[in-house]
Protein backbone atom coordinates (compact mmCIF):
# COMPACT_ATOMS: atom_id res chain seq x y z
CA MET A 1 0.00 0.00 0.00
CA THR A 2 1.31 3.44 -0.76
CA GLY A 3 1.65 5.85 2.18
CA THR A 4 -0.50 4.07 4.80
CA SER A 5 -0.26 6.59 7.62
CA THR A 6 -1.24 9.61 5.54
CA ALA A 7 -3.79 7.91 3.31
CA PRO A 8 -7.22 9.50 3.00
CA GLU A 9 -9.89 8.02 5.29
CA LEU A 10 -11.94 6.66 2.35
CA PHE A 11 -8.93 4.72 1.10
CA ARG A 12 -8.05 3.40 4.57
CA GLN A 13 -11.64 2.16 5.04
CA ALA A 14 -11.61 0.47 1.64
CA VAL A 15 -8.29 -1.26 2.39
CA GLU A 16 -9.52 -2.46 5.78
CA ALA A 17 -12.62 -3.93 4.13
CA LEU A 18 -10.42 -5.90 1.72
CA LYS A 19 -8.06 -7.00 4.50
CA SER A 20 -11.06 -8.38 6.42
CA LEU A 21 -11.89 -10.93 3.70
CA ARG A 22 -12.01 -14.53 4.91
CA PRO A 23 -12.08 -16.65 1.74
CA ARG A 24 -13.02 -20.29 1.50
CA PRO A 25 -10.19 -22.81 2.19
CA GLU A 26 -9.49 -23.53 -1.49
CA LEU A 27 -8.54 -19.88 -2.05
CA GLN A 28 -5.37 -18.28 -0.70
CA LEU A 29 -5.04 -14.48 -0.49
CA ALA A 30 -1.91 -12.45 0.20
CA GLU A 31 -1.07 -8.77 0.19
CA VAL A 32 1.32 -7.84 -2.62
CA ARG A 33 2.96 -4.68 -3.82
CA PRO A 34 0.44 -2.66 -5.82
CA PRO A 35 1.22 -1.20 -9.22
CA GLN A 36 2.86 2.20 -9.06
CA ARG A 37 1.87 5.37 -10.90
CA LEU A 38 -1.71 4.37 -11.70
CA ALA A 39 -3.11 6.43 -8.85
CA PRO A 40 -1.81 8.34 -5.83
CA TRP A 41 -2.99 5.51 -3.52
CA ALA A 42 -3.01 1.80 -4.31
CA PHE A 43 -3.43 -1.55 -2.54
CA ALA A 44 -3.32 -5.07 -3.97
CA ILE A 45 -3.93 -8.68 -3.01
CA SER A 46 -3.00 -11.79 -4.96
CA ALA A 47 -5.11 -14.93 -5.07
CA GLU A 48 -4.52 -18.58 -5.87
CA ALA A 49 -7.21 -21.23 -6.15
CA VAL A 50 -7.33 -24.92 -7.03
CA GLY A 51 -10.53 -26.59 -8.17
CA PRO A 52 -11.78 -30.17 -7.93
CA ALA A 53 -10.32 -31.14 -11.32
CA GLU A 54 -6.95 -29.64 -10.34
CA VAL A 55 -7.73 -26.51 -12.37
CA GLN A 56 -5.51 -23.77 -11.02
CA ALA A 57 -6.08 -20.05 -11.18
CA THR A 58 -4.13 -17.01 -10.11
CA GLY A 59 -5.51 -13.55 -9.70
CA ARG A 60 -4.97 -10.09 -8.42
CA LEU A 61 -7.39 -7.55 -6.99
CA ILE A 62 -6.16 -3.96 -7.02
CA LEU A 63 -7.68 -0.94 -5.35
CA LEU A 64 -6.82 2.47 -6.77
CA HIS A 65 -7.70 5.80 -5.19
CA ASP A 66 -7.33 9.23 -6.72
CA PRO A 67 -8.89 11.92 -4.47
CA GLN A 68 -9.20 14.15 -7.56
CA GLY A 69 -11.09 11.43 -9.42
CA GLN A 70 -10.54 10.34 -12.97
CA GLU A 71 -13.13 10.96 -15.66
CA ALA A 72 -13.07 7.40 -17.00
CA TRP A 73 -13.57 6.02 -13.47
CA GLU A 74 -16.66 8.11 -12.76
CA GLY A 75 -15.43 8.36 -9.17
CA VAL A 76 -12.41 8.43 -6.88
CA LEU A 77 -11.98 4.67 -6.30
CA ARG A 78 -11.36 1.98 -8.91
CA VAL A 79 -11.21 -1.78 -8.44
CA VAL A 80 -9.19 -3.77 -10.96
CA ALA A 81 -9.44 -7.57 -11.17
CA TYR A 82 -7.21 -9.92 -13.10
CA VAL A 83 -7.70 -13.71 -13.22
CA ARG A 84 -5.81 -16.33 -15.24
CA ALA A 85 -6.44 -20.08 -15.36
CA GLU A 86 -5.32 -23.05 -17.40
CA LEU A 87 -8.26 -24.94 -18.89
CA ASP A 88 -8.71 -28.32 -20.45
CA ALA A 89 -8.80 -28.24 -24.26
CA GLU A 90 -12.48 -29.22 -24.47
CA LEU A 91 -13.62 -26.25 -22.40
CA ALA A 92 -11.21 -23.91 -24.19
CA ASP A 93 -12.78 -24.84 -27.54
CA ASP A 94 -16.24 -23.70 -26.43
CA PRO A 95 -17.13 -20.54 -28.40
CA LEU A 96 -19.25 -19.33 -25.46
CA LEU A 97 -16.31 -19.38 -23.03
CA PRO A 98 -15.66 -15.60 -23.08
CA SER A 99 -19.34 -14.85 -22.41
CA VAL A 100 -19.45 -17.44 -19.64
CA GLY A 101 -16.25 -16.04 -18.11
CA TRP A 102 -17.75 -12.54 -18.08
CA SER A 103 -20.96 -13.85 -16.51
CA TRP A 104 -18.91 -15.37 -13.69
CA LEU A 105 -17.82 -11.84 -12.81
CA THR A 106 -21.18 -10.11 -13.25
CA ASP A 107 -23.01 -12.87 -11.37
CA ALA A 108 -20.50 -12.67 -8.50
CA LEU A 109 -20.89 -8.89 -8.27
CA ALA A 110 -24.68 -9.20 -8.28
CA ALA A 111 -24.76 -12.02 -5.72
CA SER A 112 -22.47 -10.13 -3.33
CA GLY A 113 -24.56 -6.97 -3.49
CA ALA A 114 -21.56 -4.90 -4.59
CA GLU A 115 -22.67 -1.46 -5.75
CA PHE A 116 -20.67 -0.16 -8.70
CA THR A 117 -20.63 1.76 -11.95
CA ALA A 118 -18.41 1.94 -15.05
CA LEU A 119 -17.77 -1.82 -15.34
CA GLY A 120 -15.61 -2.84 -18.28
CA GLY A 121 -13.13 -5.50 -19.24
CA THR A 122 -12.05 -8.34 -21.47
CA VAL A 123 -12.09 -12.12 -21.43
CA THR A 124 -9.44 -13.77 -23.56
CA ASP A 125 -9.04 -17.45 -24.30
CA THR A 126 -5.76 -18.57 -25.85
CA SER A 127 -4.17 -21.81 -26.95
CA SER A 128 -0.41 -22.21 -27.08
CA ALA A 129 1.42 -25.09 -28.72
CA ARG A 130 5.01 -25.95 -27.80
CA PHE A 131 7.49 -27.35 -30.28
CA GLY A 132 11.07 -28.57 -30.23
CA ASP A 133 13.05 -28.40 -27.01
CA ILE A 134 10.62 -26.25 -25.01
CA ALA A 135 9.63 -28.08 -21.84
CA GLY A 136 6.04 -28.48 -20.73
CA PRO A 137 2.83 -29.86 -22.18
CA ALA A 138 2.42 -29.82 -25.96
CA ARG A 139 -0.65 -27.60 -25.70
CA VAL A 140 -1.83 -25.16 -23.05
CA ASP A 141 -5.22 -23.44 -23.03
CA ASP A 142 -5.74 -20.36 -20.88
CA LEU A 143 -8.54 -18.07 -19.84
CA GLU A 144 -7.68 -14.53 -18.83
CA LEU A 145 -10.19 -12.07 -17.42
CA ARG A 146 -9.35 -8.40 -16.88
CA ALA A 147 -11.98 -6.08 -15.51
CA SER A 148 -12.37 -2.86 -13.60
CA TRP A 149 -15.25 -1.01 -12.01
CA THR A 150 -15.94 1.93 -9.74
CA PRO A 151 -17.41 1.14 -6.32
CA ARG A 152 -20.12 3.55 -5.23
CA THR A 153 -18.75 3.63 -1.64
CA GLY A 154 -15.63 2.70 0.28
CA ALA A 155 -17.37 -0.35 1.75
CA LEU A 156 -15.50 -2.86 -0.41
CA ARG A 157 -16.13 -6.12 1.43
CA ALA A 158 -18.81 -7.14 -1.10
CA HIS A 159 -16.42 -6.34 -3.96
CA GLY A 160 -13.73 -8.52 -2.40
CA GLU A 161 -16.23 -11.32 -1.84
CA ALA A 162 -17.27 -11.07 -5.49
CA PHE A 163 -13.63 -11.43 -6.52
CA CYS A 164 -13.29 -14.54 -4.34
CA ASP A 165 -16.47 -15.99 -5.88
CA LEU A 166 -15.10 -15.25 -9.36
CA MET A 167 -11.91 -17.16 -8.53
CA ALA A 168 -14.00 -20.11 -7.27
CA SER A 169 -16.10 -20.13 -10.45
CA VAL A 170 -13.04 -20.08 -12.70
CA VAL A 171 -11.62 -23.22 -11.11
CA GLY A 172 -14.98 -25.01 -10.99
CA LEU A 173 -15.68 -24.93 -7.26
CA PRO A 174 -19.33 -25.36 -6.30
CA PRO A 175 -21.05 -22.69 -4.20
CA VAL A 176 -20.21 -22.84 -0.49
CA GLY A 177 -22.31 -25.55 1.17
CA VAL A 178 -22.78 -27.57 -2.04
CA ALA A 179 -20.79 -30.78 -2.55
CA LEU A 180 -19.83 -32.27 -5.89
CA PHE A 181 -20.77 -35.89 -6.54
CA GLY A 182 -18.06 -38.15 -5.15
CA GLN A 183 -16.92 -35.57 -2.55
CA ARG A 184 -19.20 -36.52 0.31
CA THR A 185 -17.56 -37.31 3.59
CA GLY A 186 -18.76 -39.59 6.35
CA ASP A 187 -20.40 -43.02 6.26
């Protein structure tokens, strides 16, 4: 975080809300150095998740604050989310994958009750083939989601929860409290 002791109250409240997140066990969060020069105040967390089919995703949630505001933001706070996951080839070949990936984000924001404006972003699916002496699998398929939005208030807990839900959706985790077939314990 840039300049913690002198940060504006709105920014400090927003950071505390993100620090208070308690994600599900399959998701690991950690504070990381935020990008510099995007805004006078910044805070960032990284995320890693592993799903039931060993799908792995990494992500980053960044909070930017410019007390002067920025016209494109339509406010003084901006939340930036980045998520990347390797997918199996069958899922990567689905032409609806970008739309589904975007719906994971919009559904998570709606379910969390996060209030926002100026939502925008991209979903990219790529396939890479390796040849010759390059180590690794012959083919890798990736999904990458980049999005940003302007929260209406500094109460960012719902925004952080939406990000955690997005990470869970990307790796194929069921909603909290729902078990996948073959994952029941007991008996």
